[in-house]
């Protein structure tokens, strides 16, 4: 207990020091209303249903007008190529988070009729999520602009014969995928997990996710909320005090609130299906789905 208090004290002290460098960024909080649900149901996990984007929002263009690729972010993640599958390295938080996001994804899959068969993992990195998706019985296309990450993913999938033929990795952006003949409306589920806070031209990026999804399919997004608690946990705590992820991994200004996510998708072609928080338990080093979306959250959209 004393050790835990010491760590908390260091976090709070560092937050106070660094807050001077981020004048004004700790004042914006986000909240979203959750529907009540019977205990044991999917929505009892804090998921939202039948929440729609604003009716006045116009459908976005059929092709992205700006590249979503951020060269600085690409260079940042290129340095992780040798560490993607090190469970104690800089990708340790992703490995720990993976179980919770896969639980949410399985729930989405189970509600789809017919069941999904083709899944697109956008920003797949070294393939941590792609491999888990393949073990759910779907064919996965993993795309990433980092050639180093794709090489790591290709090498690692060969360690499990059961998924080798179920995953296809490509070194390309979502815009490049859409420019191919198979690109538009080609996947039952499109996933961008822990990605949107690292891209440029976010409205165009979200439009591209819609275009890559078949009508009746799903888009799944997981990311960090732009709240003071997220700043404390993800940047001050994880990067500067505990140093479990490299400093500079996250930029608080690029975090996206749930309301903003909803409004980024056109109301005449998508609607929010479910949303849940992903909560970290430091004493067990595990994550679970919850109704608390103040830091990490995951959402599913239906494409019409």
C-alpha atoms as a PDB file:
ATOM      1  CA  UNK A   1       0.000   0.000   0.000  1.00  0.00           C
ATOM      2  CA  UNK A   2       2.857   2.384   0.872  1.00  0.00           C
ATOM      3  CA  UNK A   3       4.460   1.720  -2.533  1.00  0.00           C
ATOM      4  CA  UNK A   4       1.154   2.471  -4.268  1.00  0.00           C
ATOM      5  CA  UNK A   5       0.857   5.772  -2.404  1.00  0.00           C
ATOM      6  CA  UNK A   6       4.413   6.658  -3.340  1.00  0.00           C
ATOM      7  CA  UNK A   7       3.696   6.077  -7.045  1.00  0.00           C
ATOM      8  CA  UNK A   8       0.472   8.100  -6.804  1.00  0.00           C
ATOM      9  CA  UNK A   9       2.351  10.918  -5.100  1.00  0.00           C
ATOM     10  CA  UNK A  10       4.946  10.950  -7.881  1.00  0.00           C
ATOM     11  CA  UNK A  11       2.205  11.031 -10.509  1.00  0.00           C
ATOM     12  CA  UNK A  12       0.389  13.927  -8.843  1.00  0.00           C
ATOM     13  CA  UNK A  13       3.610  15.865  -8.310  1.00  0.00           C
ATOM     14  CA  UNK A  14       4.635  15.393 -11.955  1.00  0.00           C
ATOM     15  CA  UNK A  15       1.154  16.328 -13.150  1.00  0.00           C
ATOM     16  CA  UNK A  16       1.329  19.586 -11.197  1.00  0.00           C
ATOM     17  CA  UNK A  17       4.716  20.415 -12.697  1.00  0.00           C
ATOM     18  CA  UNK A  18       3.789  19.563 -16.278  1.00  0.00           C
ATOM     19  CA  UNK A  19       0.365  21.242 -16.109  1.00  0.00           C
ATOM     20  CA  UNK A  20       2.201  24.559 -16.330  1.00  0.00           C
ATOM     21  CA  UNK A  21       3.362  23.482 -19.798  1.00  0.00           C
ATOM     22  CA  UNK A  22      -0.171  22.647 -20.911  1.00  0.00           C
ATOM     23  CA  UNK A  23      -2.036  25.770 -19.841  1.00  0.00           C
ATOM     24  CA  UNK A  24      -5.739  25.308 -20.291  1.00  0.00           C
ATOM     25  CA  UNK A  25      -5.783  21.749 -21.628  1.00  0.00           C
ATOM     26  CA  UNK A  26      -7.034  20.185 -18.408  1.00  0.00           C
ATOM     27  CA  UNK A  27     -10.367  21.991 -18.362  1.00  0.00           C
ATOM     28  CA  UNK A  28     -12.314  20.062 -21.008  1.00  0.00           C
ATOM     29  CA  UNK A  29     -14.260  17.054 -19.755  1.00  0.00           C
ATOM     30  CA  UNK A  30     -16.493  14.747 -21.809  1.00  0.00           C
ATOM     31  CA  UNK A  31     -19.519  12.771 -20.784  1.00  0.00           C
ATOM     32  CA  UNK A  32     -21.964  10.596 -22.661  1.00  0.00           C
ATOM     33  CA  UNK A  33     -25.272   9.135 -21.468  1.00  0.00           C
ATOM     34  CA  UNK A  34     -25.628   5.356 -21.299  1.00  0.00           C
ATOM     35  CA  UNK A  35     -28.867   3.483 -21.572  1.00  0.00           C
ATOM     36  CA  UNK A  36     -29.931   1.342 -18.639  1.00  0.00           C
ATOM     37  CA  UNK A  37     -29.708  -2.377 -19.309  1.00  0.00           C
ATOM     38  CA  UNK A  38     -30.570  -5.578 -17.555  1.00  0.00           C
ATOM     39  CA  UNK A  39     -27.710  -7.098 -15.536  1.00  0.00           C
ATOM     40  CA  UNK A  40     -25.733  -9.567 -17.605  1.00  0.00           C
ATOM     41  CA  UNK A  41     -26.669  -8.062 -20.939  1.00  0.00           C
ATOM     42  CA  UNK A  42     -24.109  -6.639 -23.345  1.00  0.00           C
ATOM     43  CA  UNK A  43     -25.294  -3.098 -22.745  1.00  0.00           C
ATOM     44  CA  UNK A  44     -24.959  -3.596 -18.981  1.00  0.00           C
ATOM     45  CA  UNK A  45     -21.244  -3.219 -19.623  1.00  0.00           C
ATOM     46  CA  UNK A  46     -21.889   0.451 -20.247  1.00  0.00           C
ATOM     47  CA  UNK A  47     -22.608   0.139 -23.939  1.00  0.00           C
ATOM     48  CA  UNK A  48     -24.872   2.539 -25.763  1.00  0.00           C
ATOM     49  CA  UNK A  49     -27.416   1.659 -28.411  1.00  0.00           C
ATOM     50  CA  UNK A  50     -29.585   3.703 -30.763  1.00  0.00           C
ATOM     51  CA  UNK A  51     -27.591   6.906 -30.411  1.00  0.00           C
ATOM     52  CA  UNK A  52     -27.284   8.658 -33.756  1.00  0.00           C
ATOM     53  CA  UNK A  53     -25.158  11.399 -35.208  1.00  0.00           C
ATOM     54  CA  UNK A  54     -26.776  14.764 -35.812  1.00  0.00           C
ATOM     55  CA  UNK A  55     -29.284  14.746 -38.614  1.00  0.00           C
ATOM     56  CA  UNK A  56     -27.877  17.916 -40.108  1.00  0.00           C
ATOM     57  CA  UNK A  57     -24.470  16.433 -40.772  1.00  0.00           C
ATOM     58  CA  UNK A  58     -23.935  15.859 -44.487  1.00  0.00           C
ATOM     59  CA  UNK A  59     -22.583  12.673 -46.031  1.00  0.00           C
ATOM     60  CA  UNK A  60     -18.859  12.927 -46.642  1.00  0.00           C
ATOM     61  CA  UNK A  61     -17.224  12.669 -50.035  1.00  0.00           C
ATOM     62  CA  UNK A  62     -16.782   9.266 -51.661  1.00  0.00           C
ATOM     63  CA  UNK A  63     -13.022   9.605 -51.634  1.00  0.00           C
ATOM     64  CA  UNK A  64     -10.648  11.080 -49.099  1.00  0.00           C
ATOM     65  CA  UNK A  65      -9.283  14.475 -50.078  1.00  0.00           C
ATOM     66  CA  UNK A  66      -6.366  14.479 -47.632  1.00  0.00           C
ATOM     67  CA  UNK A  67      -3.900  11.817 -46.601  1.00  0.00           C
ATOM     68  CA  UNK A  68      -4.366  10.681 -43.025  1.00  0.00           C
ATOM     69  CA  UNK A  69      -0.693   9.679 -42.744  1.00  0.00           C
ATOM     70  CA  UNK A  70       1.307  11.705 -40.211  1.00  0.00           C
ATOM     71  CA  UNK A  71       5.013  11.336 -41.039  1.00  0.00           C
ATOM     72  CA  UNK A  72       6.105  12.100 -37.483  1.00  0.00           C
ATOM     73  CA  UNK A  73       3.842   9.389 -36.088  1.00  0.00           C
ATOM     74  CA  UNK A  74       5.091   6.944 -38.723  1.00  0.00           C
ATOM     75  CA  UNK A  75       8.686   7.570 -37.656  1.00  0.00           C
ATOM     76  CA  UNK A  76       7.717   7.190 -34.006  1.00  0.00           C
ATOM     77  CA  UNK A  77       6.189   3.755 -34.478  1.00  0.00           C
ATOM     78  CA  UNK A  78       8.920   2.581 -36.842  1.00  0.00           C
ATOM     79  CA  UNK A  79      11.157   2.496 -33.767  1.00  0.00           C
ATOM     80  CA  UNK A  80       8.881  -0.135 -32.202  1.00  0.00           C
ATOM     81  CA  UNK A  81       9.390  -2.720 -34.946  1.00  0.00           C
ATOM     82  CA  UNK A  82      11.587  -4.947 -32.788  1.00  0.00           C
ATOM     83  CA  UNK A  83       9.397  -4.592 -29.713  1.00  0.00           C
ATOM     84  CA  UNK A  84       5.848  -5.314 -30.869  1.00  0.00           C
ATOM     85  CA  UNK A  85       5.832  -8.830 -29.431  1.00  0.00           C
ATOM     86  CA  UNK A  86       7.837  -8.137 -26.285  1.00  0.00           C
ATOM     87  CA  UNK A  87       5.187  -8.371 -23.509  1.00  0.00           C
ATOM     88  CA  UNK A  88       7.475  -6.488 -21.125  1.00  0.00           C
ATOM     89  CA  UNK A  89       8.594  -3.813 -23.594  1.00  0.00           C
ATOM     90  CA  UNK A  90       7.057  -0.529 -24.785  1.00  0.00           C
ATOM     91  CA  UNK A  91       4.051  -2.384 -26.255  1.00  0.00           C
ATOM     92  CA  UNK A  92       3.197  -3.993 -22.910  1.00  0.00           C
ATOM     93  CA  UNK A  93       0.083  -1.791 -22.459  1.00  0.00           C
ATOM     94  CA  UNK A  94      -1.271  -2.953 -25.839  1.00  0.00           C
ATOM     95  CA  UNK A  95      -0.807  -6.596 -24.882  1.00  0.00           C
ATOM     96  CA  UNK A  96      -2.615  -5.974 -21.586  1.00  0.00           C
ATOM     97  CA  UNK A  97      -5.426  -4.040 -23.307  1.00  0.00           C
ATOM     98  CA  UNK A  98      -5.937  -6.655 -25.996  1.00  0.00           C
ATOM     99  CA  UNK A  99      -8.133  -8.978 -23.921  1.00  0.00           C
ATOM    100  CA  UNK A 100     -10.683  -6.261 -23.143  1.00  0.00           C
ATOM    101  CA  UNK A 101     -10.937  -4.954 -26.696  1.00  0.00           C
ATOM    102  CA  UNK A 102     -11.268  -8.514 -28.024  1.00  0.00           C
ATOM    103  CA  UNK A 103     -14.125  -9.147 -25.589  1.00  0.00           C
ATOM    104  CA  UNK A 104     -15.954  -6.150 -27.040  1.00  0.00           C
ATOM    105  CA  UNK A 105     -15.193  -7.227 -30.613  1.00  0.00           C
ATOM    106  CA  UNK A 106     -16.509 -10.750 -29.958  1.00  0.00           C
ATOM    107  CA  UNK A 107     -19.772  -9.241 -28.690  1.00  0.00           C
ATOM    108  CA  UNK A 108     -20.057  -7.184 -31.873  1.00  0.00           C
ATOM    109  CA  UNK A 109     -19.380 -10.250 -34.036  1.00  0.00           C
ATOM    110  CA  UNK A 110     -21.985 -12.289 -32.147  1.00  0.00           C
ATOM    111  CA  UNK A 111     -24.686  -9.673 -32.847  1.00  0.00           C
ATOM    112  CA  UNK A 112     -24.049  -9.663 -36.594  1.00  0.00           C
ATOM    113  CA  UNK A 113     -26.218 -11.773 -38.885  1.00  0.00           C
ATOM    114  CA  UNK A 114     -24.707 -13.167 -41.012  1.00  0.00           C
ATOM    115  CA  UNK A 115     -21.552 -13.540 -39.003  1.00  0.00           C
ATOM    116  CA  UNK A 116     -18.601 -11.524 -40.332  1.00  0.00           C
ATOM    117  CA  UNK A 117     -16.002 -13.268 -42.473  1.00  0.00           C
ATOM    118  CA  UNK A 118     -13.704 -10.446 -43.665  1.00  0.00           C
ATOM    119  CA  UNK A 119     -12.182  -7.987 -41.203  1.00  0.00           C
ATOM    120  CA  UNK A 120      -9.885  -5.036 -41.909  1.00  0.00           C
ATOM    121  CA  UNK A 121      -7.421  -4.067 -39.161  1.00  0.00           C
ATOM    122  CA  UNK A 122      -6.335  -0.482 -39.943  1.00  0.00           C
ATOM    123  CA  UNK A 123      -3.017   0.475 -38.389  1.00  0.00           C
ATOM    124  CA  UNK A 124      -2.261  -3.118 -37.455  1.00  0.00           C
ATOM    125  CA  UNK A 125       1.314  -2.451 -36.345  1.00  0.00           C
ATOM    126  CA  UNK A 126       3.057  -5.708 -35.523  1.00  0.00           C
ATOM    127  CA  UNK A 127      -0.168  -7.711 -35.677  1.00  0.00           C
ATOM    128  CA  UNK A 128      -1.157  -8.014 -31.990  1.00  0.00           C
ATOM    129  CA  UNK A 129      -4.865  -7.512 -32.664  1.00  0.00           C
ATOM    130  CA  UNK A 130      -4.811  -9.095 -36.135  1.00  0.00           C
ATOM    131  CA  UNK A 131      -3.685 -12.437 -34.721  1.00  0.00           C
ATOM    132  CA  UNK A 132      -6.397 -12.366 -32.059  1.00  0.00           C
ATOM    133  CA  UNK A 133      -9.006 -11.593 -34.721  1.00  0.00           C
ATOM    134  CA  UNK A 134      -7.819 -14.494 -36.878  1.00  0.00           C
ATOM    135  CA  UNK A 135      -8.313 -16.828 -33.904  1.00  0.00           C
ATOM    136  CA  UNK A 136     -11.967 -15.717 -33.839  1.00  0.00           C
ATOM    137  CA  UNK A 137     -12.421 -17.473 -37.169  1.00  0.00           C
ATOM    138  CA  UNK A 138     -12.398 -14.536 -39.592  1.00  0.00           C
ATOM    139  CA  UNK A 139     -10.069 -13.628 -42.452  1.00  0.00           C
ATOM    140  CA  UNK A 140      -8.047 -10.550 -41.529  1.00  0.00           C
ATOM    141  CA  UNK A 141      -6.445  -7.955 -43.747  1.00  0.00           C
ATOM    142  CA  UNK A 142      -3.975  -5.942 -41.683  1.00  0.00           C
ATOM    143  CA  UNK A 143      -2.735  -2.679 -43.162  1.00  0.00           C
ATOM    144  CA  UNK A 144      -0.129  -0.258 -41.848  1.00  0.00           C
ATOM    145  CA  UNK A 145       2.039   2.464 -43.370  1.00  0.00           C
ATOM    146  CA  UNK A 146       5.054   1.208 -41.409  1.00  0.00           C
ATOM    147  CA  UNK A 147       6.943  -1.358 -43.478  1.00  0.00           C
ATOM    148  CA  UNK A 148       8.937  -2.359 -40.396  1.00  0.00           C
ATOM    149  CA  UNK A 149       5.797  -3.228 -38.458  1.00  0.00           C
ATOM    150  CA  UNK A 150       4.385  -5.215 -41.368  1.00  0.00           C
ATOM    151  CA  UNK A 151       7.597  -7.256 -41.601  1.00  0.00           C
ATOM    152  CA  UNK A 152       7.370  -8.005 -37.885  1.00  0.00           C
ATOM    153  CA  UNK A 153       3.729  -9.037 -38.244  1.00  0.00           C
ATOM    154  CA  UNK A 154       4.492 -11.305 -41.223  1.00  0.00           C
ATOM    155  CA  UNK A 155       7.276 -13.038 -39.331  1.00  0.00           C
ATOM    156  CA  UNK A 156       5.306 -13.507 -36.140  1.00  0.00           C
ATOM    157  CA  UNK A 157       2.203 -15.041 -37.726  1.00  0.00           C
ATOM    158  CA  UNK A 158       4.347 -17.908 -39.024  1.00  0.00           C
ATOM    159  CA  UNK A 159       4.780 -19.077 -35.432  1.00  0.00           C
ATOM    160  CA  UNK A 160       1.162 -20.282 -35.426  1.00  0.00           C
ATOM    161  CA  UNK A 161       0.193 -22.538 -38.345  1.00  0.00           C
ATOM    162  CA  UNK A 162      -3.501 -22.149 -37.502  1.00  0.00           C
ATOM    163  CA  UNK A 163      -3.567 -18.450 -38.496  1.00  0.00           C
ATOM    164  CA  UNK A 164      -0.934 -18.222 -41.261  1.00  0.00           C
ATOM    165  CA  UNK A 165      -3.502 -18.406 -44.059  1.00  0.00           C
ATOM    166  CA  UNK A 166      -6.098 -16.342 -42.190  1.00  0.00           C
ATOM    167  CA  UNK A 167      -4.114 -13.083 -42.177  1.00  0.00           C
ATOM    168  CA  UNK A 168      -2.900 -10.966 -45.086  1.00  0.00           C
ATOM    169  CA  UNK A 169      -0.678  -8.011 -44.252  1.00  0.00           C
ATOM    170  CA  UNK A 170      -0.179  -5.027 -46.548  1.00  0.00           C
ATOM    171  CA  UNK A 171       2.112  -2.013 -46.270  1.00  0.00           C
ATOM    172  CA  UNK A 172      -0.443   0.626 -47.265  1.00  0.00           C
ATOM    173  CA  UNK A 173      -2.719   3.325 -45.906  1.00  0.00           C
ATOM    174  CA  UNK A 174      -6.511   3.191 -45.831  1.00  0.00           C
ATOM    175  CA  UNK A 175      -6.563   5.646 -48.752  1.00  0.00           C
ATOM    176  CA  UNK A 176      -4.307   3.373 -50.790  1.00  0.00           C
ATOM    177  CA  UNK A 177      -6.527   0.390 -50.009  1.00  0.00           C
ATOM    178  CA  UNK A 178      -9.580   2.276 -51.256  1.00  0.00           C
ATOM    179  CA  UNK A 179      -7.824   3.081 -54.532  1.00  0.00           C
ATOM    180  CA  UNK A 180      -7.675  -0.635 -55.390  1.00  0.00           C
ATOM    181  CA  UNK A 181     -10.530  -2.476 -57.054  1.00  0.00           C
ATOM    182  CA  UNK A 182     -11.407  -4.452 -53.925  1.00  0.00           C
ATOM    183  CA  UNK A 183     -11.135  -1.450 -51.608  1.00  0.00           C
ATOM    184  CA  UNK A 184     -14.600   0.103 -51.331  1.00  0.00           C
ATOM    185  CA  UNK A 185     -17.319  -1.832 -49.470  1.00  0.00           C
ATOM    186  CA  UNK A 186     -14.994  -4.823 -49.159  1.00  0.00           C
ATOM    187  CA  UNK A 187     -15.038  -5.771 -45.465  1.00  0.00           C
ATOM    188  CA  UNK A 188     -17.713  -6.857 -43.015  1.00  0.00           C
ATOM    189  CA  UNK A 189     -15.918  -5.175 -40.107  1.00  0.00           C
ATOM    190  CA  UNK A 190     -13.337  -2.388 -40.186  1.00  0.00           C
ATOM    191  CA  UNK A 191     -11.338  -1.790 -37.011  1.00  0.00           C
ATOM    192  CA  UNK A 192      -9.107   1.156 -36.082  1.00  0.00           C
ATOM    193  CA  UNK A 193      -7.888   0.363 -32.573  1.00  0.00           C
ATOM    194  CA  UNK A 194      -5.617   2.878 -30.810  1.00  0.00           C
ATOM    195  CA  UNK A 195      -5.054   4.562 -34.165  1.00  0.00           C
ATOM    196  CA  UNK A 196      -7.165   7.690 -34.609  1.00  0.00           C
ATOM    197  CA  UNK A 197      -5.113   9.692 -32.101  1.00  0.00           C
ATOM    198  CA  UNK A 198      -2.120   9.193 -34.409  1.00  0.00           C
ATOM    199  CA  UNK A 199      -3.554  10.207 -37.806  1.00  0.00           C
ATOM    200  CA  UNK A 200      -4.083  13.462 -39.683  1.00  0.00           C
ATOM    201  CA  UNK A 201      -7.230  14.631 -41.500  1.00  0.00           C
ATOM    202  CA  UNK A 202      -9.457  12.792 -39.062  1.00  0.00           C
ATOM    203  CA  UNK A 203     -12.806  13.474 -40.842  1.00  0.00           C
ATOM    204  CA  UNK A 204     -11.363  12.095 -44.079  1.00  0.00           C
ATOM    205  CA  UNK A 205      -9.914   9.117 -42.221  1.00  0.00           C
ATOM    206  CA  UNK A 206     -13.314   8.268 -40.702  1.00  0.00           C
ATOM    207  CA  UNK A 207     -14.959   8.693 -44.106  1.00  0.00           C
ATOM    208  CA  UNK A 208     -12.460   6.196 -45.511  1.00  0.00           C
ATOM    209  CA  UNK A 209     -13.362   3.688 -42.786  1.00  0.00           C
ATOM    210  CA  UNK A 210     -17.015   3.962 -43.832  1.00  0.00           C
ATOM    211  CA  UNK A 211     -16.151   3.509 -47.504  1.00  0.00           C
ATOM    212  CA  UNK A 212     -14.169   0.344 -46.772  1.00  0.00           C
ATOM    213  CA  UNK A 213     -17.128  -1.253 -44.935  1.00  0.00           C
ATOM    214  CA  UNK A 214     -19.932  -3.242 -46.513  1.00  0.00           C
ATOM    215  CA  UNK A 215     -23.490  -1.977 -45.923  1.00  0.00           C
ATOM    216  CA  UNK A 216     -24.749  -3.691 -42.773  1.00  0.00           C
ATOM    217  CA  UNK A 217     -21.189  -4.026 -41.505  1.00  0.00           C
ATOM    218  CA  UNK A 218     -19.526  -2.521 -38.466  1.00  0.00           C
ATOM    219  CA  UNK A 219     -16.763  -0.034 -37.738  1.00  0.00           C
ATOM    220  CA  UNK A 220     -14.997  -0.440 -34.395  1.00  0.00           C
ATOM    221  CA  UNK A 221     -12.941   2.368 -32.890  1.00  0.00           C
ATOM    222  CA  UNK A 222     -10.937   2.357 -29.655  1.00  0.00           C
ATOM    223  CA  UNK A 223      -9.052   5.380 -28.411  1.00  0.00           C
ATOM    224  CA  UNK A 224      -8.389   7.785 -25.530  1.00  0.00           C
ATOM    225  CA  UNK A 225     -10.846  10.395 -24.302  1.00  0.00           C
ATOM    226  CA  UNK A 226      -9.661  13.996 -24.057  1.00  0.00           C
ATOM    227  CA  UNK A 227     -10.115  14.462 -20.305  1.00  0.00           C
ATOM    228  CA  UNK A 228      -7.871  15.544 -17.459  1.00  0.00           C
ATOM    229  CA  UNK A 229      -7.950  11.985 -16.108  1.00  0.00           C
ATOM    230  CA  UNK A 230      -6.727  10.629 -19.458  1.00  0.00           C
ATOM    231  CA  UNK A 231      -3.907  13.181 -19.396  1.00  0.00           C
ATOM    232  CA  UNK A 232      -2.992  12.101 -15.879  1.00  0.00           C
ATOM    233  CA  UNK A 233      -3.080   8.367 -16.628  1.00  0.00           C
ATOM    234  CA  UNK A 234      -1.849   8.085 -20.219  1.00  0.00           C
ATOM    235  CA  UNK A 235       0.727  10.860 -20.392  1.00  0.00           C
ATOM    236  CA  UNK A 236       1.881  11.887 -16.928  1.00  0.00           C
ATOM    237  CA  UNK A 237       1.575   8.452 -15.339  1.00  0.00           C
ATOM    238  CA  UNK A 238       2.369   6.029 -18.158  1.00  0.00           C
ATOM    239  CA  UNK A 239       4.965   8.103 -20.034  1.00  0.00           C
ATOM    240  CA  UNK A 240       6.680  10.372 -17.512  1.00  0.00           C
ATOM    241  CA  UNK A 241       6.417   8.612 -14.150  1.00  0.00           C
ATOM    242  CA  UNK A 242       6.030   4.863 -14.674  1.00  0.00           C
ATOM    243  CA  UNK A 243       7.684   5.008 -18.117  1.00  0.00           C
ATOM    244  CA  UNK A 244       5.796   1.968 -19.376  1.00  0.00           C
ATOM    245  CA  UNK A 245       5.434   3.608 -22.792  1.00  0.00           C
ATOM    246  CA  UNK A 246       7.963   5.887 -24.541  1.00  0.00           C
ATOM    247  CA  UNK A 247       7.663   9.608 -23.839  1.00  0.00           C
ATOM    248  CA  UNK A 248       5.897  11.376 -26.682  1.00  0.00           C
ATOM    249  CA  UNK A 249       3.729   8.388 -27.619  1.00  0.00           C
ATOM    250  CA  UNK A 250       0.582  10.428 -27.006  1.00  0.00           C
ATOM    251  CA  UNK A 251      -0.471  14.028 -27.572  1.00  0.00           C
ATOM    252  CA  UNK A 252      -3.362  15.112 -25.360  1.00  0.00           C
ATOM    253  CA  UNK A 253      -4.622  17.551 -27.988  1.00  0.00           C
ATOM    254  CA  UNK A 254      -5.124  14.637 -30.422  1.00  0.00           C
ATOM    255  CA  UNK A 255      -7.281  12.618 -28.024  1.00  0.00           C
ATOM    256  CA  UNK A 256     -10.898  12.432 -29.233  1.00  0.00           C
ATOM    257  CA  UNK A 257     -14.025  12.642 -27.078  1.00  0.00           C
ATOM    258  CA  UNK A 258     -16.939  10.226 -27.578  1.00  0.00           C
ATOM    259  CA  UNK A 259     -19.125  13.090 -28.786  1.00  0.00           C
ATOM    260  CA  UNK A 260     -16.552  14.017 -31.396  1.00  0.00           C
ATOM    261  CA  UNK A 261     -16.292  10.412 -32.565  1.00  0.00           C
ATOM    262  CA  UNK A 262     -20.054  10.261 -33.059  1.00  0.00           C
ATOM    263  CA  UNK A 263     -20.094  13.483 -35.077  1.00  0.00           C
ATOM    264  CA  UNK A 264     -17.179  12.370 -37.262  1.00  0.00           C
ATOM    265  CA  UNK A 265     -19.360   9.725 -38.909  1.00  0.00           C
ATOM    266  CA  UNK A 266     -22.156  10.828 -41.294  1.00  0.00           C
ATOM    267  CA  UNK A 267     -25.628  10.324 -39.823  1.00  0.00           C
ATOM    268  CA  UNK A 268     -27.171   9.280 -43.136  1.00  0.00           C
ATOM    269  CA  UNK A 269     -24.830   6.295 -43.512  1.00  0.00           C
ATOM    270  CA  UNK A 270     -23.823   5.290 -39.970  1.00  0.00           C
ATOM    271  CA  UNK A 271     -25.233   5.087 -36.448  1.00  0.00           C
ATOM    272  CA  UNK A 272     -23.595   4.384 -33.124  1.00  0.00           C
ATOM    273  CA  UNK A 273     -24.303   0.825 -32.017  1.00  0.00           C
ATOM    274  CA  UNK A 274     -22.449   0.203 -28.744  1.00  0.00           C
ATOM    275  CA  UNK A 275     -19.889   1.987 -26.613  1.00  0.00           C
ATOM    276  CA  UNK A 276     -17.972   0.862 -23.536  1.00  0.00           C
ATOM    277  CA  UNK A 277     -15.134   2.035 -21.372  1.00  0.00           C
ATOM    278  CA  UNK A 278     -11.954   0.030 -20.955  1.00  0.00           C
ATOM    279  CA  UNK A 279     -10.704   0.311 -17.389  1.00  0.00           C
ATOM    280  CA  UNK A 280      -7.231  -0.538 -16.132  1.00  0.00           C
ATOM    281  CA  UNK A 281      -6.667  -2.385 -12.847  1.00  0.00           C
ATOM    282  CA  UNK A 282      -3.114  -1.502 -11.764  1.00  0.00           C
ATOM    283  CA  UNK A 283      -2.875  -4.091  -8.989  1.00  0.00           C
ATOM    284  CA  UNK A 284      -3.584  -6.972 -11.393  1.00  0.00           C
ATOM    285  CA  UNK A 285      -2.222  -5.278 -14.529  1.00  0.00           C
ATOM    286  CA  UNK A 286      -5.426  -6.157 -16.378  1.00  0.00           C
ATOM    287  CA  UNK A 287      -8.144  -4.345 -18.310  1.00  0.00           C
ATOM    288  CA  UNK A 288     -11.892  -4.916 -18.334  1.00  0.00           C
ATOM    289  CA  UNK A 289     -14.931  -3.446 -20.057  1.00  0.00           C
ATOM    290  CA  UNK A 290     -16.903  -0.996 -17.950  1.00  0.00           C
ATOM    291  CA  UNK A 291     -19.244   1.990 -18.138  1.00  0.00           C
ATOM    292  CA  UNK A 292     -16.397   4.395 -17.384  1.00  0.00           C
ATOM    293  CA  UNK A 293     -15.239   6.161 -20.547  1.00  0.00           C
ATOM    294  CA  UNK A 294     -13.192   8.937 -18.962  1.00  0.00           C
ATOM    295  CA  UNK A 295      -9.877   7.466 -20.159  1.00  0.00           C
ATOM    296  CA  UNK A 296     -10.095   4.589 -22.675  1.00  0.00           C
ATOM    297  CA  UNK A 297     -13.209   3.680 -24.617  1.00  0.00           C
ATOM    298  CA  UNK A 298     -14.280   1.497 -27.527  1.00  0.00           C
ATOM    299  CA  UNK A 299     -17.253   1.985 -29.861  1.00  0.00           C
ATOM    300  CA  UNK A 300     -19.054   0.163 -32.657  1.00  0.00           C
ATOM    301  CA  UNK A 301     -20.877   1.854 -35.532  1.00  0.00           C
ATOM    302  CA  UNK A 302     -23.372   0.285 -37.940  1.00  0.00           C
ATOM    303  CA  UNK A 303     -22.884   1.164 -41.602  1.00  0.00           C
ATOM    304  CA  UNK A 304     -26.158   1.500 -43.503  1.00  0.00           C
END
